[in-house]
Amino acid sequence: MSKIRSILYTLSTILIIVGALFILQDDVYGLLILGLGLILNIVHRTLNLDSTKIRFFQFSELLKLGSVLFMIIACLSFVLELEQKFNLLIVSILIDLLVNMKEISFKRQAK
């Protein structure tokens, strides 16, 4: 299951980056690719949440849950055509990056 999660995370990250590049070039498919990457990232983050830690109101898990909820709001802003949709998207990706900084590492983890 951990291999599937890591593949899901890698795929979502690649789709977010490629979608952002397509948006910068005014391509029609950019929003579709970016949205798919965000949805995969939301699925990955939701699978990694620890429900027992959330029930005991552990701060780090509540931050992760808030990050997922904010990313869902950012996705909905594209569907609802809100004025600040790109700002919400950028902020949601930055919050996700800061909250989940431990996962982004260039060092090999010992098993």
PDB file of N, CA and C in Angstrom:
ATOM      1  N   MET A   1       0.822  -1.195   0.000  1.00  0.00           N
ATOM      2  CA  MET A   1       0.000   0.000   0.000  1.00  0.00           C
ATOM      3  C   MET A   1       0.865   1.258   0.000  1.00  0.00           C
ATOM      4  N   SER A   2       2.034   1.189   0.645  1.00  0.00           N
ATOM      5  CA  SER A   2       2.887   2.373   0.687  1.00  0.00           C
ATOM      6  C   SER A   2       3.458   2.692  -0.693  1.00  0.00           C
ATOM      7  N   LYS A   3       3.686   1.662  -1.510  1.00  0.00           N
ATOM      8  CA  LYS A   3       4.163   1.917  -2.877  1.00  0.00           C
ATOM      9  C   LYS A   3       3.109   2.652  -3.691  1.00  0.00           C
ATOM     10  N   ILE A   4       1.849   2.256  -3.513  1.00  0.00           N
ATOM     11  CA  ILE A   4       0.760   2.921  -4.230  1.00  0.00           C
ATOM     12  C   ILE A   4       0.653   4.373  -3.789  1.00  0.00           C
ATOM     13  N   ARG A   5       0.807   4.617  -2.496  1.00  0.00           N
ATOM     14  CA  ARG A   5       0.735   5.990  -1.986  1.00  0.00           C
ATOM     15  C   ARG A   5       1.870   6.848  -2.521  1.00  0.00           C
ATOM     16  N   SER A   6       3.073   6.285  -2.590  1.00  0.00           N
ATOM     17  CA  SER A   6       4.189   7.074  -3.104  1.00  0.00           C
ATOM     18  C   SER A   6       4.039   7.342  -4.597  1.00  0.00           C
ATOM     19  N   ILE A   7       3.518   6.370  -5.332  1.00  0.00           N
ATOM     20  CA  ILE A   7       3.258   6.579  -6.763  1.00  0.00           C
ATOM     21  C   ILE A   7       2.174   7.629  -6.952  1.00  0.00           C
ATOM     22  N   LEU A   8       1.134   7.571  -6.134  1.00  0.00           N
ATOM     23  CA  LEU A   8       0.048   8.545  -6.197  1.00  0.00           C
ATOM     24  C   LEU A   8       0.558   9.949  -5.911  1.00  0.00           C
ATOM     25  N   TYR A   9       1.429  10.072  -4.899  1.00  0.00           N
ATOM     26  CA  TYR A   9       1.979  11.380  -4.551  1.00  0.00           C
ATOM     27  C   TYR A   9       2.867  11.915  -5.670  1.00  0.00           C
ATOM     28  N   THR A  10       3.708  11.066  -6.227  1.00  0.00           N
ATOM     29  CA  THR A  10       4.588  11.490  -7.313  1.00  0.00           C
ATOM     30  C   THR A  10       3.785  11.904  -8.537  1.00  0.00           C
ATOM     31  N   LEU A  11       2.777  11.128  -8.883  1.00  0.00           N
ATOM     32  CA  LEU A  11       1.940  11.451 -10.033  1.00  0.00           C
ATOM     33  C   LEU A  11       1.191  12.761  -9.826  1.00  0.00           C
ATOM     34  N   SER A  12       0.666  12.973  -8.626  1.00  0.00           N
ATOM     35  CA  SER A  12      -0.065  14.218  -8.372  1.00  0.00           C
ATOM     36  C   SER A  12       0.865  15.422  -8.440  1.00  0.00           C
ATOM     37  N   THR A  13       2.076  15.287  -7.927  1.00  0.00           N
ATOM     38  CA  THR A  13       3.035  16.389  -7.982  1.00  0.00           C
ATOM     39  C   THR A  13       3.410  16.715  -9.420  1.00  0.00           C
ATOM     40  N   ILE A  14       3.651  15.696 -10.218  1.00  0.00           N
ATOM     41  CA  ILE A  14       4.000  15.921 -11.626  1.00  0.00           C
ATOM     42  C   ILE A  14       2.843  16.591 -12.363  1.00  0.00           C
ATOM     43  N   LEU A  15       1.618  16.138 -12.116  1.00  0.00           N
ATOM     44  CA  LEU A  15       0.462  16.737 -12.787  1.00  0.00           C
ATOM     45  C   LEU A  15       0.254  18.191 -12.373  1.00  0.00           C
ATOM     46  N   ILE A  16       0.494  18.515 -11.110  1.00  0.00           N
ATOM     47  CA  ILE A  16       0.361  19.899 -10.658  1.00  0.00           C
ATOM     48  C   ILE A  16       1.385  20.785 -11.358  1.00  0.00           C
ATOM     49  N   ILE A  17       2.619  20.324 -11.446  1.00  0.00           N
ATOM     50  CA  ILE A  17       3.666  21.119 -12.091  1.00  0.00           C
ATOM     51  C   ILE A  17       3.392  21.269 -13.582  1.00  0.00           C
ATOM     52  N   VAL A  18       3.049  20.175 -14.252  1.00  0.00           N
ATOM     53  CA  VAL A  18       2.771  20.240 -15.694  1.00  0.00           C
ATOM     54  C   VAL A  18       1.540  21.101 -15.964  1.00  0.00           C
ATOM     55  N   GLY A  19       0.511  20.968 -15.136  1.00  0.00           N
ATOM     56  CA  GLY A  19      -0.686  21.793 -15.298  1.00  0.00           C
ATOM     57  C   GLY A  19      -0.389  23.266 -15.133  1.00  0.00           C
ATOM     58  N   ALA A  20       0.453  23.602 -14.152  1.00  0.00           N
ATOM     59  CA  ALA A  20       0.827  25.005 -13.956  1.00  0.00           C
ATOM     60  C   ALA A  20       1.607  25.534 -15.159  1.00  0.00           C
ATOM     61  N   LEU A  21       2.472  24.705 -15.719  1.00  0.00           N
ATOM     62  CA  LEU A  21       3.220  25.137 -16.906  1.00  0.00           C
ATOM     63  C   LEU A  21       2.294  25.348 -18.104  1.00  0.00           C
ATOM     64  N   PHE A  22       1.298  24.472 -18.268  1.00  0.00           N
ATOM     65  CA  PHE A  22       0.339  24.652 -19.355  1.00  0.00           C
ATOM     66  C   PHE A  22      -0.493  25.914 -19.150  1.00  0.00           C
ATOM     67  N   ILE A  23      -0.849  26.218 -17.908  1.00  0.00           N
ATOM     68  CA  ILE A  23      -1.617  27.432 -17.627  1.00  0.00           C
ATOM     69  C   ILE A  23      -0.790  28.661 -17.972  1.00  0.00           C
ATOM     70  N   LEU A  24       0.505  28.631 -17.659  1.00  0.00           N
ATOM     71  CA  LEU A  24       1.368  29.765 -17.987  1.00  0.00           C
ATOM     72  C   LEU A  24       1.454  29.993 -19.491  1.00  0.00           C
ATOM     73  N   GLN A  25       1.278  28.936 -20.276  1.00  0.00           N
ATOM     74  CA  GLN A  25       1.325  29.064 -21.731  1.00  0.00           C
ATOM     75  C   GLN A  25      -0.060  29.253 -22.337  1.00  0.00           C
ATOM     76  N   ASP A  26      -1.062  29.528 -21.507  1.00  0.00           N
ATOM     77  CA  ASP A  26      -2.452  29.741 -21.935  1.00  0.00           C
ATOM     78  C   ASP A  26      -3.016  28.548 -22.697  1.00  0.00           C
ATOM     79  N   ASP A  27      -2.672  27.357 -22.280  1.00  0.00           N
ATOM     80  CA  ASP A  27      -3.209  26.159 -22.909  1.00  0.00           C
ATOM     81  C   ASP A  27      -4.526  25.780 -22.240  1.00  0.00           C
ATOM     82  N   VAL A  28      -5.445  25.246 -23.013  1.00  0.00           N
ATOM     83  CA  VAL A  28      -6.775  24.896 -22.521  1.00  0.00           C
ATOM     84  C   VAL A  28      -6.714  23.735 -21.532  1.00  0.00           C
ATOM     85  N   TYR A  29      -5.821  22.806 -21.748  1.00  0.00           N
ATOM     86  CA  TYR A  29      -5.759  21.604 -20.926  1.00  0.00           C
ATOM     87  C   TYR A  29      -5.053  21.825 -19.588  1.00  0.00           C
ATOM     88  N   GLY A  30      -4.488  22.990 -19.368  1.00  0.00           N
ATOM     89  CA  GLY A  30      -3.755  23.254 -18.137  1.00  0.00           C
ATOM     90  C   GLY A  30      -4.602  23.112 -16.895  1.00  0.00           C
ATOM     91  N   LEU A  31      -5.809  23.677 -16.922  1.00  0.00           N
ATOM     92  CA  LEU A  31      -6.693  23.582 -15.757  1.00  0.00           C
ATOM     93  C   LEU A  31      -7.127  22.149 -15.502  1.00  0.00           C
ATOM     94  N   LEU A  32      -7.350  21.406 -16.555  1.00  0.00           N
ATOM     95  CA  LEU A  32      -7.746  20.008 -16.405  1.00  0.00           C
ATOM     96  C   LEU A  32      -6.623  19.181 -15.774  1.00  0.00           C
ATOM     97  N   ILE A  33      -5.414  19.360 -16.254  1.00  0.00           N
ATOM     98  CA  ILE A  33      -4.266  18.626 -15.716  1.00  0.00           C
ATOM     99  C   ILE A  33      -3.995  19.043 -14.276  1.00  0.00           C
ATOM    100  N   LEU A  34      -4.056  20.345 -14.025  1.00  0.00           N
ATOM    101  CA  LEU A  34      -3.826  20.848 -12.673  1.00  0.00           C
ATOM    102  C   LEU A  34      -4.901  20.353 -11.710  1.00  0.00           C
ATOM    103  N   GLY A  35      -6.141  20.369 -12.142  1.00  0.00           N
ATOM    104  CA  GLY A  35      -7.236  19.883 -11.302  1.00  0.00           C
ATOM    105  C   GLY A  35      -7.097  18.409 -10.985  1.00  0.00           C
ATOM    106  N   LEU A  36      -6.693  17.617 -11.980  1.00  0.00           N
ATOM    107  CA  LEU A  36      -6.477  16.191 -11.748  1.00  0.00           C
ATOM    108  C   LEU A  36      -5.350  15.966 -10.744  1.00  0.00           C
ATOM    109  N   GLY A  37      -4.288  16.752 -10.864  1.00  0.00           N
ATOM    110  CA  GLY A  37      -3.189  16.651  -9.899  1.00  0.00           C
ATOM    111  C   GLY A  37      -3.627  17.016  -8.494  1.00  0.00           C
ATOM    112  N   LEU A  38      -4.456  18.055  -8.379  1.00  0.00           N
ATOM    113  CA  LEU A  38      -4.951  18.452  -7.060  1.00  0.00           C
ATOM    114  C   LEU A  38      -5.863  17.393  -6.460  1.00  0.00           C
ATOM    115  N   ILE A  39      -6.712  16.805  -7.279  1.00  0.00           N
ATOM    116  CA  ILE A  39      -7.613  15.759  -6.775  1.00  0.00           C
ATOM    117  C   ILE A  39      -6.812  14.542  -6.310  1.00  0.00           C
ATOM    118  N   LEU A  40      -5.792  14.155  -7.077  1.00  0.00           N
ATOM    119  CA  LEU A  40      -4.939  13.038  -6.648  1.00  0.00           C
ATOM    120  C   LEU A  40      -4.188  13.376  -5.360  1.00  0.00           C
ATOM    121  N   ASN A  41      -3.769  14.635  -5.228  1.00  0.00           N
ATOM    122  CA  ASN A  41      -3.088  15.063  -4.011  1.00  0.00           C
ATOM    123  C   ASN A  41      -4.037  15.030  -2.818  1.00  0.00           C
ATOM    124  N   ILE A  42      -5.286  15.429  -3.026  1.00  0.00           N
ATOM    125  CA  ILE A  42      -6.286  15.378  -1.954  1.00  0.00           C
ATOM    126  C   ILE A  42      -6.528  13.931  -1.533  1.00  0.00           C
ATOM    127  N   VAL A  43      -6.630  13.028  -2.507  1.00  0.00           N
ATOM    128  CA  VAL A  43      -6.827  11.607  -2.193  1.00  0.00           C
ATOM    129  C   VAL A  43      -5.631  11.070  -1.408  1.00  0.00           C
ATOM    130  N   HIS A  44      -4.430  11.418  -1.853  1.00  0.00           N
ATOM    131  CA  HIS A  44      -3.221  10.960  -1.158  1.00  0.00           C
ATOM    132  C   HIS A  44      -3.183  11.482   0.268  1.00  0.00           C
ATOM    133  N   ARG A  45      -3.454  12.763   0.448  1.00  0.00           N
ATOM    134  CA  ARG A  45      -3.412  13.351   1.795  1.00  0.00           C
ATOM    135  C   ARG A  45      -4.498  12.766   2.691  1.00  0.00           C
ATOM    136  N   THR A  46      -5.662  12.483   2.125  1.00  0.00           N
ATOM    137  CA  THR A  46      -6.747  11.904   2.914  1.00  0.00           C
ATOM    138  C   THR A  46      -6.402  10.483   3.346  1.00  0.00           C
ATOM    139  N   LEU A  47      -5.768   9.719   2.469  1.00  0.00           N
ATOM    140  CA  LEU A  47      -5.356   8.359   2.834  1.00  0.00           C
ATOM    141  C   LEU A  47      -4.300   8.360   3.936  1.00  0.00           C
ATOM    142  N   ASN A  48      -3.493   9.413   3.994  1.00  0.00           N
ATOM    143  CA  ASN A  48      -2.419   9.477   4.982  1.00  0.00           C
ATOM    144  C   ASN A  48      -2.846  10.072   6.314  1.00  0.00           C
ATOM    145  N   LEU A  49      -4.078  10.562   6.428  1.00  0.00           N
ATOM    146  CA  LEU A  49      -4.532  11.117   7.702  1.00  0.00           C
ATOM    147  C   LEU A  49      -4.721   9.996   8.725  1.00  0.00           C
ATOM    148  N   ASP A  50      -4.370  10.280   9.949  1.00  0.00           N
ATOM    149  CA  ASP A  50      -4.535   9.322  11.044  1.00  0.00           C
ATOM    150  C   ASP A  50      -5.767   9.729  11.848  1.00  0.00           C
ATOM    151  N   SER A  51      -6.833   8.948  11.720  1.00  0.00           N
ATOM    152  CA  SER A  51      -8.110   9.333  12.335  1.00  0.00           C
ATOM    153  C   SER A  51      -8.053   9.318  13.860  1.00  0.00           C
ATOM    154  N   THR A  52      -7.231   8.465  14.441  1.00  0.00           N
ATOM    155  CA  THR A  52      -7.150   8.456  15.909  1.00  0.00           C
ATOM    156  C   THR A  52      -6.478   9.721  16.430  1.00  0.00           C
ATOM    157  N   LYS A  53      -5.472  10.205  15.713  1.00  0.00           N
ATOM    158  CA  LYS A  53      -4.822  11.453  16.122  1.00  0.00           C
ATOM    159  C   LYS A  53      -5.762  12.638  15.942  1.00  0.00           C
ATOM    160  N   ILE A  54      -6.615  12.578  14.926  1.00  0.00           N
ATOM    161  CA  ILE A  54      -7.586  13.655  14.721  1.00  0.00           C
ATOM    162  C   ILE A  54      -8.612  13.642  15.843  1.00  0.00           C
ATOM    163  N   ARG A  55      -9.045  12.462  16.254  1.00  0.00           N
ATOM    164  CA  ARG A  55     -10.022  12.364  17.352  1.00  0.00           C
ATOM    165  C   ARG A  55      -9.467  12.901  18.659  1.00  0.00           C
ATOM    166  N   PHE A  56      -8.157  12.786  18.856  1.00  0.00           N
ATOM    167  CA  PHE A  56      -7.539  13.313  20.074  1.00  0.00           C
ATOM    168  C   PHE A  56      -7.023  14.737  19.882  1.00  0.00           C
ATOM    169  N   PHE A  57      -7.408  15.357  18.771  1.00  0.00           N
ATOM    170  CA  PHE A  57      -7.085  16.752  18.466  1.00  0.00           C
ATOM    171  C   PHE A  57      -5.581  17.029  18.507  1.00  0.00           C
ATOM    172  N   GLN A  58      -4.807  16.142  17.904  1.00  0.00           N
ATOM    173  CA  GLN A  58      -3.376  16.387  17.802  1.00  0.00           C
ATOM    174  C   GLN A  58      -3.149  17.474  16.754  1.00  0.00           C
ATOM    175  N   PHE A  59      -2.358  18.474  17.122  1.00  0.00           N
ATOM    176  CA  PHE A  59      -2.227  19.691  16.330  1.00  0.00           C
ATOM    177  C   PHE A  59      -1.720  19.422  14.916  1.00  0.00           C
ATOM    178  N   SER A  60      -0.716  18.563  14.772  1.00  0.00           N
ATOM    179  CA  SER A  60      -0.140  18.329  13.442  1.00  0.00           C
ATOM    180  C   SER A  60      -1.149  17.677  12.500  1.00  0.00           C
ATOM    181  N   GLU A  61      -1.945  16.741  13.006  1.00  0.00           N
ATOM    182  CA  GLU A  61      -2.954  16.096  12.155  1.00  0.00           C
ATOM    183  C   GLU A  61      -4.089  17.059  11.821  1.00  0.00           C
ATOM    184  N   LEU A  62      -4.429  17.933  12.761  1.00  0.00           N
ATOM    185  CA  LEU A  62      -5.462  18.932  12.468  1.00  0.00           C
ATOM    186  C   LEU A  62      -4.987  19.910  11.398  1.00  0.00           C
ATOM    187  N   LEU A  63      -3.693  20.243  11.418  1.00  0.00           N
ATOM    188  CA  LEU A  63      -3.140  21.090  10.355  1.00  0.00           C
ATOM    189  C   LEU A  63      -3.213  20.387   8.999  1.00  0.00           C
ATOM    190  N   LYS A  64      -2.913  19.098   8.986  1.00  0.00           N
ATOM    191  CA  LYS A  64      -2.992  18.339   7.734  1.00  0.00           C
ATOM    192  C   LYS A  64      -4.428  18.273   7.227  1.00  0.00           C
ATOM    193  N   LEU A  65      -5.375  18.084   8.138  1.00  0.00           N
ATOM    194  CA  LEU A  65      -6.787  18.067   7.753  1.00  0.00           C
ATOM    195  C   LEU A  65      -7.214  19.429   7.219  1.00  0.00           C
ATOM    196  N   GLY A  66      -6.767  20.498   7.875  1.00  0.00           N
ATOM    197  CA  GLY A  66      -7.071  21.845   7.396  1.00  0.00           C
ATOM    198  C   GLY A  66      -6.480  22.108   6.023  1.00  0.00           C
ATOM    199  N   SER A  67      -5.287  21.584   5.786  1.00  0.00           N
ATOM    200  CA  SER A  67      -4.647  21.729   4.480  1.00  0.00           C
ATOM    201  C   SER A  67      -5.457  21.034   3.389  1.00  0.00           C
ATOM    202  N   VAL A  68      -5.959  19.841   3.689  1.00  0.00           N
ATOM    203  CA  VAL A  68      -6.786  19.103   2.722  1.00  0.00           C
ATOM    204  C   VAL A  68      -8.084  19.861   2.454  1.00  0.00           C
ATOM    205  N   LEU A  69      -8.709  20.363   3.509  1.00  0.00           N
ATOM    206  CA  LEU A  69      -9.959  21.118   3.332  1.00  0.00           C
ATOM    207  C   LEU A  69      -9.731  22.388   2.522  1.00  0.00           C
ATOM    208  N   PHE A  70      -8.612  23.067   2.767  1.00  0.00           N
ATOM    209  CA  PHE A  70      -8.312  24.282   2.007  1.00  0.00           C
ATOM    210  C   PHE A  70      -8.052  23.947   0.542  1.00  0.00           C
ATOM    211  N   MET A  71      -7.432  22.801   0.281  1.00  0.00           N
ATOM    212  CA  MET A  71      -7.199  22.397  -1.105  1.00  0.00           C
ATOM    213  C   MET A  71      -8.516  22.054  -1.802  1.00  0.00           C
ATOM    214  N   ILE A  72      -9.455  21.476  -1.064  1.00  0.00           N
ATOM    215  CA  ILE A  72     -10.784  21.206  -1.628  1.00  0.00           C
ATOM    216  C   ILE A  72     -11.480  22.517  -1.972  1.00  0.00           C
ATOM    217  N   ILE A  73     -11.355  23.518  -1.102  1.00  0.00           N
ATOM    218  CA  ILE A  73     -11.940  24.836  -1.380  1.00  0.00           C
ATOM    219  C   ILE A  73     -11.297  25.452  -2.616  1.00  0.00           C
ATOM    220  N   ALA A  74      -9.980  25.290  -2.760  1.00  0.00           N
ATOM    221  CA  ALA A  74      -9.290  25.821  -3.943  1.00  0.00           C
ATOM    222  C   ALA A  74      -9.777  25.134  -5.215  1.00  0.00           C
ATOM    223  N   CYS A  75     -10.024  23.824  -5.156  1.00  0.00           N
ATOM    224  CA  CYS A  75     -10.560  23.111  -6.325  1.00  0.00           C
ATOM    225  C   CYS A  75     -11.971  23.590  -6.648  1.00  0.00           C
ATOM    226  N   LEU A  76     -12.768  23.789  -5.612  1.00  0.00           N
ATOM    227  CA  LEU A  76     -14.134  24.275  -5.837  1.00  0.00           C
ATOM    228  C   LEU A  76     -14.151  25.691  -6.398  1.00  0.00           C
ATOM    229  N   SER A  77     -13.134  26.477  -6.085  1.00  0.00           N
ATOM    230  CA  SER A  77     -13.094  27.845  -6.608  1.00  0.00           C
ATOM    231  C   SER A  77     -12.958  27.855  -8.128  1.00  0.00           C
ATOM    232  N   PHE A  78     -12.327  26.826  -8.699  1.00  0.00           N
ATOM    233  CA  PHE A  78     -12.248  26.736 -10.157  1.00  0.00           C
ATOM    234  C   PHE A  78     -13.589  26.336 -10.754  1.00  0.00           C
ATOM    235  N   VAL A  79     -14.302  25.465 -10.061  1.00  0.00           N
ATOM    236  CA  VAL A  79     -15.614  25.038 -10.550  1.00  0.00           C
ATOM    237  C   VAL A  79     -16.615  26.188 -10.461  1.00  0.00           C
ATOM    238  N   LEU A  80     -16.541  26.949  -9.364  1.00  0.00           N
ATOM    239  CA  LEU A  80     -17.486  28.045  -9.142  1.00  0.00           C
ATOM    240  C   LEU A  80     -17.053  29.350  -9.798  1.00  0.00           C
ATOM    241  N   GLU A  81     -15.909  29.335 -10.473  1.00  0.00           N
ATOM    242  CA  GLU A  81     -15.380  30.513 -11.171  1.00  0.00           C
ATOM    243  C   GLU A  81     -15.239  31.718 -10.241  1.00  0.00           C
ATOM    244  N   LEU A  82     -14.634  31.489  -9.070  1.00  0.00           N
ATOM    245  CA  LEU A  82     -14.390  32.586  -8.138  1.00  0.00           C
ATOM    246  C   LEU A  82     -13.274  33.477  -8.660  1.00  0.00           C
ATOM    247  N   GLU A  83     -13.308  34.728  -8.224  1.00  0.00           N
ATOM    248  CA  GLU A  83     -12.352  35.707  -8.724  1.00  0.00           C
ATOM    249  C   GLU A  83     -10.920  35.404  -8.263  1.00  0.00           C
ATOM    250  N   GLN A  84     -10.779  34.900  -7.064  1.00  0.00           N
ATOM    251  CA  GLN A  84      -9.459  34.664  -6.476  1.00  0.00           C
ATOM    252  C   GLN A  84      -9.007  33.206  -6.600  1.00  0.00           C
ATOM    253  N   LYS A  85      -9.436  32.520  -7.641  1.00  0.00           N
ATOM    254  CA  LYS A  85      -9.153  31.086  -7.745  1.00  0.00           C
ATOM    255  C   LYS A  85      -7.662  30.777  -7.833  1.00  0.00           C
ATOM    256  N   PHE A  86      -6.899  31.565  -8.559  1.00  0.00           N
ATOM    257  CA  PHE A  86      -5.472  31.286  -8.675  1.00  0.00           C
ATOM    258  C   PHE A  86      -4.747  31.588  -7.369  1.00  0.00           C
ATOM    259  N   ASN A  87      -5.183  32.639  -6.668  1.00  0.00           N
ATOM    260  CA  ASN A  87      -4.578  32.946  -5.371  1.00  0.00           C
ATOM    261  C   ASN A  87      -4.857  31.839  -4.364  1.00  0.00           C
ATOM    262  N   LEU A  88      -6.102  31.334  -4.349  1.00  0.00           N
ATOM    263  CA  LEU A  88      -6.435  30.225  -3.454  1.00  0.00           C
ATOM    264  C   LEU A  88      -5.611  28.988  -3.789  1.00  0.00           C
ATOM    265  N   LEU A  89      -5.410  28.750  -5.061  1.00  0.00           N
ATOM    266  CA  LEU A  89      -4.626  27.595  -5.493  1.00  0.00           C
ATOM    267  C   LEU A  89      -3.179  27.704  -5.022  1.00  0.00           C
ATOM    268  N   ILE A  90      -2.582  28.862  -5.221  1.00  0.00           N
ATOM    269  CA  ILE A  90      -1.190  29.061  -4.808  1.00  0.00           C
ATOM    270  C   ILE A  90      -1.050  28.920  -3.300  1.00  0.00           C
ATOM    271  N   VAL A  91      -1.974  29.538  -2.555  1.00  0.00           N
ATOM    272  CA  VAL A  91      -1.914  29.458  -1.092  1.00  0.00           C
ATOM    273  C   VAL A  91      -2.126  28.022  -0.622  1.00  0.00           C
ATOM    274  N   SER A  92      -3.039  27.291  -1.257  1.00  0.00           N
ATOM    275  CA  SER A  92      -3.281  25.908  -0.827  1.00  0.00           C
ATOM    276  C   SER A  92      -2.068  25.022  -1.084  1.00  0.00           C
ATOM    277  N   ILE A  93      -1.381  25.224  -2.191  1.00  0.00           N
ATOM    278  CA  ILE A  93      -0.180  24.435  -2.475  1.00  0.00           C
ATOM    279  C   ILE A  93       0.943  24.795  -1.507  1.00  0.00           C
ATOM    280  N   LEU A  94       1.084  26.082  -1.187  1.00  0.00           N
ATOM    281  CA  LEU A  94       2.110  26.486  -0.228  1.00  0.00           C
ATOM    282  C   LEU A  94       1.823  25.944   1.169  1.00  0.00           C
ATOM    283  N   ILE A  95       0.557  25.997   1.585  1.00  0.00           N
ATOM    284  CA  ILE A  95       0.192  25.443   2.893  1.00  0.00           C
ATOM    285  C   ILE A  95       0.459  23.939   2.919  1.00  0.00           C
ATOM    286  N   ASP A  96       0.102  23.247   1.846  1.00  0.00           N
ATOM    287  CA  ASP A  96       0.351  21.810   1.762  1.00  0.00           C
ATOM    288  C   ASP A  96       1.843  21.516   1.838  1.00  0.00           C
ATOM    289  N   LEU A  97       2.630  22.321   1.173  1.00  0.00           N
ATOM    290  CA  LEU A  97       4.080  22.144   1.191  1.00  0.00           C
ATOM    291  C   LEU A  97       4.640  22.348   2.594  1.00  0.00           C
ATOM    292  N   LEU A  98       4.190  23.394   3.281  1.00  0.00           N
ATOM    293  CA  LEU A  98       4.703  23.678   4.620  1.00  0.00           C
ATOM    294  C   LEU A  98       4.249  22.646   5.649  1.00  0.00           C
ATOM    295  N   VAL A  99       2.997  22.242   5.567  1.00  0.00           N
ATOM    296  CA  VAL A  99       2.466  21.290   6.544  1.00  0.00           C
ATOM    297  C   VAL A  99       3.097  19.910   6.369  1.00  0.00           C
ATOM    298  N   ASN A 100       3.346  19.526   5.150  1.00  0.00           N
ATOM    299  CA  ASN A 100       3.872  18.186   4.868  1.00  0.00           C
ATOM    300  C   ASN A 100       5.348  18.217   4.484  1.00  0.00           C
ATOM    301  N   MET A 101       6.096  19.132   5.073  1.00  0.00           N
ATOM    302  CA  MET A 101       7.511  19.307   4.734  1.00  0.00           C
ATOM    303  C   MET A 101       8.333  18.049   5.025  1.00  0.00           C
ATOM    304  N   LYS A 102       7.913  17.270   6.012  1.00  0.00           N
ATOM    305  CA  LYS A 102       8.672  16.080   6.394  1.00  0.00           C
ATOM    306  C   LYS A 102       8.686  15.040   5.266  1.00  0.00           C
ATOM    307  N   GLU A 103       7.633  15.012   4.447  1.00  0.00           N
ATOM    308  CA  GLU A 103       7.576  14.041   3.352  1.00  0.00           C
ATOM    309  C   GLU A 103       8.498  14.408   2.207  1.00  0.00           C
ATOM    310  N   ILE A 104       8.806  15.682   2.088  1.00  0.00           N
ATOM    311  CA  ILE A 104       9.634  16.149   0.978  1.00  0.00           C
ATOM    312  C   ILE A 104      11.081  16.167   1.462  1.00  0.00           C
ATOM    313  N   SER A 105      11.808  15.161   1.118  1.00  0.00           N
ATOM    314  CA  SER A 105      13.174  15.039   1.599  1.00  0.00           C
ATOM    315  C   SER A 105      14.036  14.457   0.487  1.00  0.00           C
ATOM    316  N   PHE A 106      15.262  14.919   0.441  1.00  0.00           N
ATOM    317  CA  PHE A 106      16.184  14.401  -0.558  1.00  0.00           C
ATOM    318  C   PHE A 106      17.063  13.292   0.010  1.00  0.00           C
ATOM    319  N   LYS A 107      16.921  13.018   1.292  1.00  0.00           N
ATOM    320  CA  LYS A 107      17.707  11.966   1.928  1.00  0.00           C
ATOM    321  C   LYS A 107      16.934  10.662   1.883  1.00  0.00           C
ATOM    322  N   ARG A 108      17.648   9.585   1.821  1.00  0.00           N
ATOM    323  CA  ARG A 108      17.007   8.263   1.884  1.00  0.00           C
ATOM    324  C   ARG A 108      16.667   7.970   3.329  1.00  0.00           C
ATOM    325  N   GLN A 109      15.479   7.459   3.531  1.00  0.00           N
ATOM    326  CA  GLN A 109      15.062   7.120   4.883  1.00  0.00           C
ATOM    327  C   GLN A 109      15.450   5.677   5.179  1.00  0.00           C
ATOM    328  N   ALA A 110      15.909   5.458   6.393  1.00  0.00           N
ATOM    329  CA  ALA A 110      16.278   4.102   6.807  1.00  0.00           C
ATOM    330  C   ALA A 110      15.025   3.281   7.040  1.00  0.00           C
ATOM    331  N   LYS A 111      15.052   2.025   6.605  1.00  0.00           N
ATOM    332  CA  LYS A 111      13.871   1.164   6.776  1.00  0.00           C
ATOM    333  C   LYS A 111      13.997   0.321   8.002  1.00  0.00           C
TER     334      LYS A 111
END
